[in-house]
Amino acid sequence: MPTPADKIMFEIYREAEYDRQFRVVYFTELDDHNKEKEIGRAMAGEHFYDGFIRELRKEPGKRKIDEIIQRMNDGESLSVSDVERELAEIDVLSS
């Protein structure tokens, strides 16, 4: 079983203001200079999906998340179930 240090916690959210774009924040990769700002942005937004990427699958996981976010920002309507199904293919764990 992976330990918390073996996983990257993330959240996909929709901005509350401006153009209401979907964004992702990787909580476990934030450092002191951007932690408060990024968490604040995510908390102000509309939660969509969260989970964990296994450290060993970090790069394909991030690429897939970026692809999903781009599709949603381009107008494609994806449900949480759709996102969960696509991320399960690359071993991303929902929380």
PDB file of N, CA and C in Angstrom:
ATOM      1  N   MET A   1       0.844  -1.184   0.000  1.00  0.00           N
ATOM      2  CA  MET A   1       0.000   0.000   0.000  1.00  0.00           C
ATOM      3  C   MET A   1       0.886   1.242   0.000  1.00  0.00           C
ATOM      4  N   PRO A   2       0.635   2.180  -0.923  1.00  0.00           N
ATOM      5  CA  PRO A   2       1.460   3.388  -0.965  1.00  0.00           C
ATOM      6  C   PRO A   2       1.281   4.238   0.294  1.00  0.00           C
ATOM      7  N   THR A   3       2.342   4.869   0.708  1.00  0.00           N
ATOM      8  CA  THR A   3       2.265   5.798   1.827  1.00  0.00           C
ATOM      9  C   THR A   3       1.840   7.160   1.292  1.00  0.00           C
ATOM     10  N   PRO A   4       1.403   8.086   2.164  1.00  0.00           N
ATOM     11  CA  PRO A   4       1.031   9.419   1.682  1.00  0.00           C
ATOM     12  C   PRO A   4       2.141  10.104   0.885  1.00  0.00           C
ATOM     13  N   ALA A   5       3.392   9.814   1.215  1.00  0.00           N
ATOM     14  CA  ALA A   5       4.506  10.440   0.494  1.00  0.00           C
ATOM     15  C   ALA A   5       4.648   9.883  -0.923  1.00  0.00           C
ATOM     16  N   ASP A   6       4.018   8.747  -1.195  1.00  0.00           N
ATOM     17  CA  ASP A   6       4.080   8.132  -2.517  1.00  0.00           C
ATOM     18  C   ASP A   6       2.974   8.623  -3.444  1.00  0.00           C
ATOM     19  N   LYS A   7       2.167   9.579  -2.972  1.00  0.00           N
ATOM     20  CA  LYS A   7       1.027  10.054  -3.746  1.00  0.00           C
ATOM     21  C   LYS A   7       1.020  11.588  -3.805  1.00  0.00           C
ATOM     22  N   ILE A   8       0.440  12.101  -4.877  1.00  0.00           N
ATOM     23  CA  ILE A   8       0.289  13.541  -5.059  1.00  0.00           C
ATOM     24  C   ILE A   8      -1.203  13.847  -4.985  1.00  0.00           C
ATOM     25  N   MET A   9      -1.595  14.665  -4.018  1.00  0.00           N
ATOM     26  CA  MET A   9      -2.996  15.033  -3.839  1.00  0.00           C
ATOM     27  C   MET A   9      -3.317  16.210  -4.763  1.00  0.00           C
ATOM     28  N   PHE A  10      -4.465  16.116  -5.455  1.00  0.00           N
ATOM     29  CA  PHE A  10      -4.862  17.185  -6.371  1.00  0.00           C
ATOM     30  C   PHE A  10      -6.355  17.448  -6.289  1.00  0.00           C
ATOM     31  N   GLU A  11      -6.736  18.600  -6.821  1.00  0.00           N
ATOM     32  CA  GLU A  11      -8.154  18.945  -6.951  1.00  0.00           C
ATOM     33  C   GLU A  11      -8.356  19.644  -8.289  1.00  0.00           C
ATOM     34  N   ILE A  12      -9.406  19.236  -8.986  1.00  0.00           N
ATOM     35  CA  ILE A  12      -9.860  19.946 -10.175  1.00  0.00           C
ATOM     36  C   ILE A  12     -11.028  20.811  -9.717  1.00  0.00           C
ATOM     37  N   TYR A  13     -10.960  22.094 -10.039  1.00  0.00           N
ATOM     38  CA  TYR A  13     -12.018  23.011  -9.626  1.00  0.00           C
ATOM     39  C   TYR A  13     -12.311  23.987 -10.751  1.00  0.00           C
ATOM     40  N   ARG A  14     -13.425  24.670 -10.612  1.00  0.00           N
ATOM     41  CA  ARG A  14     -13.802  25.700 -11.578  1.00  0.00           C
ATOM     42  C   ARG A  14     -13.713  27.051 -10.888  1.00  0.00           C
ATOM     43  N   GLU A  15     -13.046  27.989 -11.527  1.00  0.00           N
ATOM     44  CA  GLU A  15     -12.893  29.316 -10.949  1.00  0.00           C
ATOM     45  C   GLU A  15     -14.258  29.929 -10.656  1.00  0.00           C
ATOM     46  N   ALA A  16     -14.338  30.640  -9.557  1.00  0.00           N
ATOM     47  CA  ALA A  16     -15.593  31.282  -9.170  1.00  0.00           C
ATOM     48  C   ALA A  16     -15.802  32.596  -9.907  1.00  0.00           C
ATOM     49  N   GLU A  17     -14.729  33.224 -10.325  1.00  0.00           N
ATOM     50  CA  GLU A  17     -14.817  34.536 -10.965  1.00  0.00           C
ATOM     51  C   GLU A  17     -14.221  34.473 -12.371  1.00  0.00           C
ATOM     52  N   TYR A  18     -14.175  35.608 -13.005  1.00  0.00           N
ATOM     53  CA  TYR A  18     -13.559  35.788 -14.325  1.00  0.00           C
ATOM     54  C   TYR A  18     -14.223  34.894 -15.360  1.00  0.00           C
ATOM     55  N   ASP A  19     -13.448  34.059 -16.031  1.00  0.00           N
ATOM     56  CA  ASP A  19     -14.007  33.275 -17.136  1.00  0.00           C
ATOM     57  C   ASP A  19     -14.453  31.872 -16.732  1.00  0.00           C
ATOM     58  N   ARG A  20     -14.442  31.556 -15.430  1.00  0.00           N
ATOM     59  CA  ARG A  20     -14.921  30.273 -14.888  1.00  0.00           C
ATOM     60  C   ARG A  20     -14.227  29.070 -15.535  1.00  0.00           C
ATOM     61  N   GLN A  21     -12.946  29.203 -15.762  1.00  0.00           N
ATOM     62  CA  GLN A  21     -12.152  28.116 -16.335  1.00  0.00           C
ATOM     63  C   GLN A  21     -11.918  27.017 -15.293  1.00  0.00           C
ATOM     64  N   PHE A  22     -11.768  25.795 -15.784  1.00  0.00           N
ATOM     65  CA  PHE A  22     -11.382  24.692 -14.908  1.00  0.00           C
ATOM     66  C   PHE A  22      -9.875  24.774 -14.691  1.00  0.00           C
ATOM     67  N   ARG A  23      -9.453  24.431 -13.503  1.00  0.00           N
ATOM     68  CA  ARG A  23      -8.035  24.454 -13.123  1.00  0.00           C
ATOM     69  C   ARG A  23      -7.749  23.246 -12.241  1.00  0.00           C
ATOM     70  N   VAL A  24      -6.465  22.988 -12.060  1.00  0.00           N
ATOM     71  CA  VAL A  24      -6.044  21.924 -11.145  1.00  0.00           C
ATOM     72  C   VAL A  24      -5.000  22.501 -10.202  1.00  0.00           C
ATOM     73  N   VAL A  25      -5.030  22.022  -8.974  1.00  0.00           N
ATOM     74  CA  VAL A  25      -3.992  22.363  -8.007  1.00  0.00           C
ATOM     75  C   VAL A  25      -3.465  21.047  -7.440  1.00  0.00           C
ATOM     76  N   TYR A  26      -2.142  20.934  -7.405  1.00  0.00           N
ATOM     77  CA  TYR A  26      -1.474  19.757  -6.841  1.00  0.00           C
ATOM     78  C   TYR A  26      -0.997  20.148  -5.444  1.00  0.00           C
ATOM     79  N   PHE A  27      -1.817  19.873  -4.456  1.00  0.00           N
ATOM     80  CA  PHE A  27      -1.569  20.342  -3.097  1.00  0.00           C
ATOM     81  C   PHE A  27      -0.222  19.912  -2.540  1.00  0.00           C
ATOM     82  N   THR A  28       0.146  18.678  -2.757  1.00  0.00           N
ATOM     83  CA  THR A  28       1.374  18.164  -2.150  1.00  0.00           C
ATOM     84  C   THR A  28       2.630  18.655  -2.855  1.00  0.00           C
ATOM     85  N   GLU A  29       2.479  19.422  -3.926  1.00  0.00           N
ATOM     86  CA  GLU A  29       3.647  19.978  -4.609  1.00  0.00           C
ATOM     87  C   GLU A  29       3.793  21.483  -4.391  1.00  0.00           C
ATOM     88  N   LEU A  30       2.907  22.065  -3.602  1.00  0.00           N
ATOM     89  CA  LEU A  30       2.998  23.499  -3.325  1.00  0.00           C
ATOM     90  C   LEU A  30       4.138  23.769  -2.360  1.00  0.00           C
ATOM     91  N   ASP A  31       4.750  24.933  -2.520  1.00  0.00           N
ATOM     92  CA  ASP A  31       5.791  25.320  -1.569  1.00  0.00           C
ATOM     93  C   ASP A  31       5.335  26.570  -0.823  1.00  0.00           C
ATOM     94  N   ASP A  32       6.145  27.043   0.078  1.00  0.00           N
ATOM     95  CA  ASP A  32       5.755  28.142   0.956  1.00  0.00           C
ATOM     96  C   ASP A  32       5.371  29.415   0.216  1.00  0.00           C
ATOM     97  N   HIS A  33       5.998  29.703  -0.915  1.00  0.00           N
ATOM     98  CA  HIS A  33       5.714  30.974  -1.577  1.00  0.00           C
ATOM     99  C   HIS A  33       4.403  30.973  -2.362  1.00  0.00           C
ATOM    100  N   ASN A  34       3.845  29.804  -2.701  1.00  0.00           N
ATOM    101  CA  ASN A  34       2.595  29.808  -3.463  1.00  0.00           C
ATOM    102  C   ASN A  34       1.463  29.037  -2.782  1.00  0.00           C
ATOM    103  N   LYS A  35       1.730  28.453  -1.642  1.00  0.00           N
ATOM    104  CA  LYS A  35       0.756  27.592  -0.974  1.00  0.00           C
ATOM    105  C   LYS A  35      -0.551  28.332  -0.657  1.00  0.00           C
ATOM    106  N   GLU A  36      -0.470  29.437   0.053  1.00  0.00           N
ATOM    107  CA  GLU A  36      -1.681  30.150   0.471  1.00  0.00           C
ATOM    108  C   GLU A  36      -2.492  30.652  -0.718  1.00  0.00           C
ATOM    109  N   LYS A  37      -1.819  31.202  -1.715  1.00  0.00           N
ATOM    110  CA  LYS A  37      -2.504  31.741  -2.895  1.00  0.00           C
ATOM    111  C   LYS A  37      -3.243  30.638  -3.650  1.00  0.00           C
ATOM    112  N   GLU A  38      -2.567  29.538  -3.925  1.00  0.00           N
ATOM    113  CA  GLU A  38      -3.171  28.459  -4.704  1.00  0.00           C
ATOM    114  C   GLU A  38      -4.300  27.762  -3.953  1.00  0.00           C
ATOM    115  N   ILE A  39      -4.117  27.545  -2.672  1.00  0.00           N
ATOM    116  CA  ILE A  39      -5.183  26.929  -1.879  1.00  0.00           C
ATOM    117  C   ILE A  39      -6.376  27.882  -1.806  1.00  0.00           C
ATOM    118  N   GLY A  40      -6.113  29.167  -1.643  1.00  0.00           N
ATOM    119  CA  GLY A  40      -7.188  30.158  -1.623  1.00  0.00           C
ATOM    120  C   GLY A  40      -7.983  30.178  -2.914  1.00  0.00           C
ATOM    121  N   ARG A  41      -7.292  30.102  -4.032  1.00  0.00           N
ATOM    122  CA  ARG A  41      -7.983  30.075  -5.337  1.00  0.00           C
ATOM    123  C   ARG A  41      -8.870  28.844  -5.460  1.00  0.00           C
ATOM    124  N   ALA A  42      -8.339  27.695  -5.047  1.00  0.00           N
ATOM    125  CA  ALA A  42      -9.113  26.456  -5.127  1.00  0.00           C
ATOM    126  C   ALA A  42     -10.319  26.503  -4.193  1.00  0.00           C
ATOM    127  N   MET A  43     -10.120  27.021  -2.996  1.00  0.00           N
ATOM    128  CA  MET A  43     -11.215  27.091  -2.022  1.00  0.00           C
ATOM    129  C   MET A  43     -12.310  28.057  -2.469  1.00  0.00           C
ATOM    130  N   ALA A  44     -11.939  29.107  -3.186  1.00  0.00           N
ATOM    131  CA  ALA A  44     -12.919  30.075  -3.678  1.00  0.00           C
ATOM    132  C   ALA A  44     -13.688  29.529  -4.878  1.00  0.00           C
ATOM    133  N   GLY A  45     -13.121  28.531  -5.536  1.00  0.00           N
ATOM    134  CA  GLY A  45     -13.746  27.966  -6.727  1.00  0.00           C
ATOM    135  C   GLY A  45     -14.774  26.902  -6.398  1.00  0.00           C
ATOM    136  N   GLU A  46     -15.309  26.322  -7.444  1.00  0.00           N
ATOM    137  CA  GLU A  46     -16.316  25.272  -7.336  1.00  0.00           C
ATOM    138  C   GLU A  46     -15.625  23.919  -7.486  1.00  0.00           C
ATOM    139  N   HIS A  47     -15.656  23.131  -6.427  1.00  0.00           N
ATOM    140  CA  HIS A  47     -15.011  21.814  -6.450  1.00  0.00           C
ATOM    141  C   HIS A  47     -15.628  20.957  -7.554  1.00  0.00           C
ATOM    142  N   PHE A  48     -14.768  20.236  -8.288  1.00  0.00           N
ATOM    143  CA  PHE A  48     -15.268  19.317  -9.307  1.00  0.00           C
ATOM    144  C   PHE A  48     -14.830  17.887  -9.024  1.00  0.00           C
ATOM    145  N   TYR A  49     -13.541  17.682  -8.760  1.00  0.00           N
ATOM    146  CA  TYR A  49     -13.024  16.325  -8.561  1.00  0.00           C
ATOM    147  C   TYR A  49     -11.714  16.418  -7.798  1.00  0.00           C
ATOM    148  N   ASP A  50     -11.456  15.427  -6.954  1.00  0.00           N
ATOM    149  CA  ASP A  50     -10.156  15.370  -6.282  1.00  0.00           C
ATOM    150  C   ASP A  50      -9.703  13.934  -6.154  1.00  0.00           C
ATOM    151  N   GLY A  51      -8.413  13.779  -5.977  1.00  0.00           N
ATOM    152  CA  GLY A  51      -7.863  12.444  -5.863  1.00  0.00           C
ATOM    153  C   GLY A  51      -6.368  12.470  -5.655  1.00  0.00           C
ATOM    154  N   PHE A  52      -5.747  11.336  -5.941  1.00  0.00           N
ATOM    155  CA  PHE A  52      -4.316  11.154  -5.745  1.00  0.00           C
ATOM    156  C   PHE A  52      -3.708  10.502  -6.981  1.00  0.00           C
ATOM    157  N   ILE A  53      -2.551  10.981  -7.355  1.00  0.00           N
ATOM    158  CA  ILE A  53      -1.761  10.348  -8.416  1.00  0.00           C
ATOM    159  C   ILE A  53      -0.630   9.602  -7.728  1.00  0.00           C
ATOM    160  N   ARG A  54      -0.453   8.368  -8.083  1.00  0.00           N
ATOM    161  CA  ARG A  54       0.698   7.636  -7.540  1.00  0.00           C
ATOM    162  C   ARG A  54       1.974   8.276  -8.091  1.00  0.00           C
ATOM    163  N   GLU A  55       2.946   8.443  -7.226  1.00  0.00           N
ATOM    164  CA  GLU A  55       4.211   9.095  -7.616  1.00  0.00           C
ATOM    165  C   GLU A  55       4.814   8.434  -8.856  1.00  0.00           C
ATOM    166  N   LEU A  56       4.721   7.126  -8.946  1.00  0.00           N
ATOM    167  CA  LEU A  56       5.284   6.416 -10.106  1.00  0.00           C
ATOM    168  C   LEU A  56       4.548   6.722 -11.405  1.00  0.00           C
ATOM    169  N   ARG A  57       3.322   7.231 -11.312  1.00  0.00           N
ATOM    170  CA  ARG A  57       2.518   7.545 -12.498  1.00  0.00           C
ATOM    171  C   ARG A  57       2.280   9.050 -12.627  1.00  0.00           C
ATOM    172  N   LYS A  58       3.146   9.831 -12.001  1.00  0.00           N
ATOM    173  CA  LYS A  58       2.967  11.280 -11.929  1.00  0.00           C
ATOM    174  C   LYS A  58       2.864  11.938 -13.305  1.00  0.00           C
ATOM    175  N   GLU A  59       3.796  11.686 -14.176  1.00  0.00           N
ATOM    176  CA  GLU A  59       3.802  12.370 -15.481  1.00  0.00           C
ATOM    177  C   GLU A  59       2.602  11.994 -16.335  1.00  0.00           C
ATOM    178  N   PRO A  60       2.281  10.702 -16.529  1.00  0.00           N
ATOM    179  CA  PRO A  60       1.080  10.404 -17.323  1.00  0.00           C
ATOM    180  C   PRO A  60      -0.191  10.898 -16.651  1.00  0.00           C
ATOM    181  N   GLY A  61      -0.224  10.879 -15.329  1.00  0.00           N
ATOM    182  CA  GLY A  61      -1.392  11.373 -14.606  1.00  0.00           C
ATOM    183  C   GLY A  61      -1.616  12.856 -14.836  1.00  0.00           C
ATOM    184  N   LYS A  62      -0.554  13.629 -14.736  1.00  0.00           N
ATOM    185  CA  LYS A  62      -0.666  15.077 -14.957  1.00  0.00           C
ATOM    186  C   LYS A  62      -1.037  15.388 -16.399  1.00  0.00           C
ATOM    187  N   ARG A  63      -0.470  14.652 -17.337  1.00  0.00           N
ATOM    188  CA  ARG A  63      -0.818  14.871 -18.754  1.00  0.00           C
ATOM    189  C   ARG A  63      -2.306  14.607 -18.987  1.00  0.00           C
ATOM    190  N   LYS A  64      -2.811  13.525 -18.401  1.00  0.00           N
ATOM    191  CA  LYS A  64      -4.217  13.178 -18.581  1.00  0.00           C
ATOM    192  C   LYS A  64      -5.124  14.230 -17.939  1.00  0.00           C
ATOM    193  N   ILE A  65      -4.772  14.689 -16.741  1.00  0.00           N
ATOM    194  CA  ILE A  65      -5.552  15.733 -16.073  1.00  0.00           C
ATOM    195  C   ILE A  65      -5.547  17.000 -16.917  1.00  0.00           C
ATOM    196  N   ASP A  66      -4.388  17.391 -17.430  1.00  0.00           N
ATOM    197  CA  ASP A  66      -4.310  18.580 -18.294  1.00  0.00           C
ATOM    198  C   ASP A  66      -5.189  18.429 -19.529  1.00  0.00           C
ATOM    199  N   GLU A  67      -5.189  17.238 -20.116  1.00  0.00           N
ATOM    200  CA  GLU A  67      -6.021  16.976 -21.291  1.00  0.00           C
ATOM    201  C   GLU A  67      -7.507  17.110 -20.948  1.00  0.00           C
ATOM    202  N   ILE A  68      -7.911  16.547 -19.827  1.00  0.00           N
ATOM    203  CA  ILE A  68      -9.311  16.620 -19.401  1.00  0.00           C
ATOM    204  C   ILE A  68      -9.720  18.068 -19.155  1.00  0.00           C
ATOM    205  N   ILE A  69      -8.877  18.817 -18.459  1.00  0.00           N
ATOM    206  CA  ILE A  69      -9.180  20.219 -18.176  1.00  0.00           C
ATOM    207  C   ILE A  69      -9.289  21.013 -19.472  1.00  0.00           C
ATOM    208  N   GLN A  70      -8.396  20.776 -20.417  1.00  0.00           N
ATOM    209  CA  GLN A  70      -8.459  21.483 -21.704  1.00  0.00           C
ATOM    210  C   GLN A  70      -9.759  21.176 -22.424  1.00  0.00           C
ATOM    211  N   ARG A  71     -10.154  19.920 -22.420  1.00  0.00           N
ATOM    212  CA  ARG A  71     -11.407  19.535 -23.076  1.00  0.00           C
ATOM    213  C   ARG A  71     -12.600  20.240 -22.439  1.00  0.00           C
ATOM    214  N   MET A  72     -12.627  20.291 -21.106  1.00  0.00           N
ATOM    215  CA  MET A  72     -13.746  20.955 -20.421  1.00  0.00           C
ATOM    216  C   MET A  72     -13.727  22.457 -20.692  1.00  0.00           C
ATOM    217  N   ASN A  73     -12.540  23.063 -20.702  1.00  0.00           N
ATOM    218  CA  ASN A  73     -12.445  24.496 -20.995  1.00  0.00           C
ATOM    219  C   ASN A  73     -12.786  24.811 -22.442  1.00  0.00           C
ATOM    220  N   ASP A  74     -12.664  23.806 -23.312  1.00  0.00           N
ATOM    221  CA  ASP A  74     -13.063  23.978 -24.712  1.00  0.00           C
ATOM    222  C   ASP A  74     -14.560  23.744 -24.921  1.00  0.00           C
ATOM    223  N   GLY A  75     -15.272  23.434 -23.831  1.00  0.00           N
ATOM    224  CA  GLY A  75     -16.723  23.303 -23.913  1.00  0.00           C
ATOM    225  C   GLY A  75     -17.267  21.893 -23.826  1.00  0.00           C
ATOM    226  N   GLU A  76     -16.409  20.893 -23.768  1.00  0.00           N
ATOM    227  CA  GLU A  76     -16.903  19.522 -23.659  1.00  0.00           C
ATOM    228  C   GLU A  76     -17.496  19.319 -22.269  1.00  0.00           C
ATOM    229  N   SER A  77     -18.652  18.701 -22.223  1.00  0.00           N
ATOM    230  CA  SER A  77     -19.327  18.457 -20.957  1.00  0.00           C
ATOM    231  C   SER A  77     -18.954  17.071 -20.448  1.00  0.00           C
ATOM    232  N   LEU A  78     -18.145  17.040 -19.400  1.00  0.00           N
ATOM    233  CA  LEU A  78     -17.740  15.775 -18.789  1.00  0.00           C
ATOM    234  C   LEU A  78     -18.302  15.718 -17.376  1.00  0.00           C
ATOM    235  N   SER A  79     -18.834  14.571 -17.016  1.00  0.00           N
ATOM    236  CA  SER A  79     -19.328  14.382 -15.654  1.00  0.00           C
ATOM    237  C   SER A  79     -18.181  13.912 -14.765  1.00  0.00           C
ATOM    238  N   VAL A  80     -18.413  13.931 -13.479  1.00  0.00           N
ATOM    239  CA  VAL A  80     -17.421  13.407 -12.536  1.00  0.00           C
ATOM    240  C   VAL A  80     -17.151  11.937 -12.850  1.00  0.00           C
ATOM    241  N   SER A  81     -18.178  11.197 -13.202  1.00  0.00           N
ATOM    242  CA  SER A  81     -18.011   9.780 -13.552  1.00  0.00           C
ATOM    243  C   SER A  81     -17.136   9.609 -14.790  1.00  0.00           C
ATOM    244  N   ASP A  82     -17.314  10.481 -15.773  1.00  0.00           N
ATOM    245  CA  ASP A  82     -16.481  10.434 -16.979  1.00  0.00           C
ATOM    246  C   ASP A  82     -15.012  10.647 -16.618  1.00  0.00           C
ATOM    247  N   VAL A  83     -14.768  11.664 -15.794  1.00  0.00           N
ATOM    248  CA  VAL A  83     -13.394  11.979 -15.388  1.00  0.00           C
ATOM    249  C   VAL A  83     -12.810  10.826 -14.582  1.00  0.00           C
ATOM    250  N   GLU A  84     -13.582  10.309 -13.655  1.00  0.00           N
ATOM    251  CA  GLU A  84     -13.105   9.201 -12.829  1.00  0.00           C
ATOM    252  C   GLU A  84     -12.745   7.987 -13.687  1.00  0.00           C
ATOM    253  N   ARG A  85     -13.561   7.683 -14.658  1.00  0.00           N
ATOM    254  CA  ARG A  85     -13.311   6.546 -15.546  1.00  0.00           C
ATOM    255  C   ARG A  85     -12.016   6.755 -16.352  1.00  0.00           C
ATOM    256  N   GLU A  86     -11.836   7.955 -16.891  1.00  0.00           N
ATOM    257  CA  GLU A  86     -10.624   8.222 -17.676  1.00  0.00           C
ATOM    258  C   GLU A  86      -9.366   8.195 -16.815  1.00  0.00           C
ATOM    259  N   LEU A  87      -9.456   8.719 -15.611  1.00  0.00           N
ATOM    260  CA  LEU A  87      -8.284   8.730 -14.738  1.00  0.00           C
ATOM    261  C   LEU A  87      -7.971   7.349 -14.182  1.00  0.00           C
ATOM    262  N   ALA A  88      -8.985   6.507 -14.020  1.00  0.00           N
ATOM    263  CA  ALA A  88      -8.752   5.146 -13.520  1.00  0.00           C
ATOM    264  C   ALA A  88      -7.880   4.351 -14.492  1.00  0.00           C
ATOM    265  N   GLU A  89      -7.954   4.691 -15.774  1.00  0.00           N
ATOM    266  CA  GLU A  89      -7.151   3.999 -16.782  1.00  0.00           C
ATOM    267  C   GLU A  89      -5.657   4.175 -16.551  1.00  0.00           C
ATOM    268  N   ILE A  90      -5.282   5.258 -15.874  1.00  0.00           N
ATOM    269  CA  ILE A  90      -3.855   5.499 -15.617  1.00  0.00           C
ATOM    270  C   ILE A  90      -3.547   5.427 -14.124  1.00  0.00           C
ATOM    271  N   ASP A  91      -4.451   4.767 -13.380  1.00  0.00           N
ATOM    272  CA  ASP A  91      -4.196   4.459 -11.961  1.00  0.00           C
ATOM    273  C   ASP A  91      -4.210   5.686 -11.065  1.00  0.00           C
ATOM    274  N   VAL A  92      -5.089   6.656 -11.379  1.00  0.00           N
ATOM    275  CA  VAL A  92      -5.291   7.793 -10.478  1.00  0.00           C
ATOM    276  C   VAL A  92      -6.384   7.394  -9.500  1.00  0.00           C
ATOM    277  N   LEU A  93      -6.164   7.646  -8.233  1.00  0.00           N
ATOM    278  CA  LEU A  93      -7.105   7.233  -7.194  1.00  0.00           C
ATOM    279  C   LEU A  93      -7.998   8.395  -6.800  1.00  0.00           C
ATOM    280  N   SER A  94      -9.314   8.135  -6.739  1.00  0.00           N
ATOM    281  CA  SER A  94     -10.216   9.182  -6.244  1.00  0.00           C
ATOM    282  C   SER A  94     -10.128   9.209  -4.726  1.00  0.00           C
ATOM    283  N   SER A  95     -10.455  10.345  -4.162  1.00  0.00           N
ATOM    284  CA  SER A  95     -10.368  10.431  -2.704  1.00  0.00           C
ATOM    285  C   SER A  95     -11.675  10.055  -2.044  1.00  0.00           C
TER     286      SER A  95
END
